[in-house]
Amino acid sequence: MHVRGRHAYRGRTQRGGALAGHLIVAEQYGDPIPEPSGLEAIQRDPEVDEVARILVRAERPGKAKRINIMMDEALIEAIDRIASNRSGFLSDAARMAIAARRETVTR
């Protein structure tokens, strides 16, 4: 993935979210997810003025597991009004919350 912008930190956070989303969609469509590669495995493009290379954290999607949780009834109704898939919505929300908390820890 290529990032363009003035701030390397912003590019790192944007790429982390993009990579996580790509992995989720790839898993949903049954596309193979390659093993992570090191920076040395990525060839340089002679037409690009490279400023930095960064590692981006992403979780490989796992197998779905049924769980039983308690949640405020009004919150469930609000989710159902905007989402066609409650489990998918809650999974996406959990991923976003985890990513946001990781970002506050690494700052």
Protein backbone atom coordinates (compact mmCIF):
# COMPACT_ATOMS: atom_id res chain seq x y z
CA MET A 1 0.00 0.00 0.00
CA HIS A 2 1.25 3.45 -0.84
CA VAL A 3 0.55 6.43 1.38
CA ARG A 4 0.82 10.01 0.26
CA GLY A 5 0.64 12.92 2.62
CA ARG A 6 2.53 15.36 4.74
CA HIS A 7 2.53 13.42 8.00
CA ALA A 8 3.95 9.91 8.36
CA TYR A 9 1.96 9.31 11.57
CA ARG A 10 -1.36 10.02 9.85
CA GLY A 11 -0.38 7.73 6.99
CA ARG A 12 0.43 4.93 9.43
CA THR A 13 -2.93 5.17 11.16
CA GLN A 14 -4.83 5.37 7.89
CA ARG A 15 -3.01 2.35 6.46
CA GLY A 16 -3.67 0.29 9.59
CA GLY A 17 -7.40 0.77 9.13
CA ALA A 18 -7.20 0.14 5.40
CA LEU A 19 -5.21 -3.07 5.88
CA ALA A 20 -7.61 -4.34 8.53
CA GLY A 21 -10.56 -3.65 6.23
CA HIS A 22 -8.82 -5.38 3.33
CA LEU A 23 -8.17 -8.49 5.44
CA ILE A 24 -11.79 -8.64 6.58
CA VAL A 25 -13.15 -8.35 3.02
CA ALA A 26 -10.62 -10.87 1.68
CA GLU A 27 -11.69 -13.36 4.35
CA GLN A 28 -15.39 -12.77 3.62
CA TYR A 29 -14.83 -13.52 -0.09
CA GLY A 30 -12.59 -16.52 0.58
CA ASP A 31 -9.50 -14.85 -0.90
CA PRO A 32 -6.18 -16.19 0.35
CA ILE A 33 -4.43 -14.01 2.93
CA PRO A 34 -0.65 -14.21 2.53
CA GLU A 35 1.70 -14.43 5.47
CA PRO A 36 3.12 -11.09 6.65
CA SER A 37 6.30 -9.96 4.91
CA GLY A 38 9.21 -7.91 6.17
CA LEU A 39 10.17 -4.54 4.73
CA GLU A 40 13.17 -6.09 2.99
CA ALA A 41 10.82 -8.21 0.85
CA ILE A 42 9.22 -5.14 -0.74
CA GLN A 43 11.05 -3.89 -3.81
CA ARG A 44 11.65 -0.19 -4.24
CA ASP A 45 9.88 1.60 -7.08
CA PRO A 46 12.45 3.79 -8.91
CA GLU A 47 9.68 6.20 -9.95
CA VAL A 48 8.68 6.96 -6.35
CA ASP A 49 10.53 9.29 -4.00
CA GLU A 50 10.29 7.20 -0.86
CA VAL A 51 10.43 9.03 2.46
CA ALA A 52 9.79 6.22 4.91
CA ARG A 53 8.74 2.61 5.26
CA ILE A 54 6.60 1.67 8.20
CA LEU A 55 5.20 -1.52 9.65
CA VAL A 56 1.43 -1.59 10.13
CA ARG A 57 -0.31 -3.78 12.71
CA ALA A 58 -3.32 -5.80 11.62
CA GLU A 59 -5.11 -8.80 13.03
CA ARG A 60 -5.78 -11.78 10.80
CA PRO A 61 -9.50 -12.54 10.80
CA GLY A 62 -10.43 -15.58 12.84
CA LYS A 63 -13.30 -18.02 12.72
CA ALA A 64 -16.65 -16.60 13.86
CA LYS A 65 -17.78 -17.84 17.26
CA ARG A 66 -21.28 -17.60 18.71
CA ILE A 67 -21.47 -15.77 22.05
CA ASN A 68 -24.23 -14.72 24.43
CA ILE A 69 -24.03 -11.15 25.77
CA MET A 70 -26.19 -8.71 27.73
CA MET A 71 -26.77 -5.27 26.20
CA ASP A 72 -29.06 -2.32 26.79
CA GLU A 73 -32.33 -2.91 24.93
CA ALA A 74 -32.42 0.63 23.50
CA LEU A 75 -28.89 0.17 22.16
CA ILE A 76 -29.89 -3.08 20.43
CA GLU A 77 -32.90 -1.32 18.85
CA ALA A 78 -30.68 1.53 17.65
CA ILE A 79 -28.26 -0.96 16.05
CA ASP A 80 -31.12 -2.83 14.38
CA ARG A 81 -32.44 0.41 12.87
CA ILE A 82 -29.17 1.12 11.03
CA ALA A 83 -27.60 -2.30 10.42
CA SER A 84 -28.84 -5.28 8.45
CA ASN A 85 -26.50 -7.61 10.36
CA ARG A 86 -26.22 -7.08 14.12
CA SER A 87 -23.23 -9.41 14.55
CA GLY A 88 -21.36 -7.75 11.69
CA PHE A 89 -22.09 -4.31 13.11
CA LEU A 90 -20.87 -5.27 16.58
CA SER A 91 -17.74 -6.92 15.14
CA ASP A 92 -16.92 -3.79 13.11
CA ALA A 93 -17.55 -1.58 16.15
CA ALA A 94 -15.29 -3.75 18.30
CA ARG A 95 -12.49 -3.62 15.70
CA MET A 96 -12.75 0.18 15.51
CA ALA A 97 -12.71 0.52 19.30
CA ILE A 98 -9.68 -1.75 19.61
CA ALA A 99 -7.81 0.18 16.90
CA ALA A 100 -8.63 3.50 18.57
CA ARG A 101 -7.41 2.29 21.96
CA ARG A 102 -4.19 0.96 20.43
CA GLU A 103 -3.59 4.34 18.84
CA THR A 104 -3.93 6.14 22.19
CA VAL A 105 -1.48 3.69 23.74
CA THR A 106 1.16 4.15 20.99
CA ARG A 107 1.04 7.98 20.94
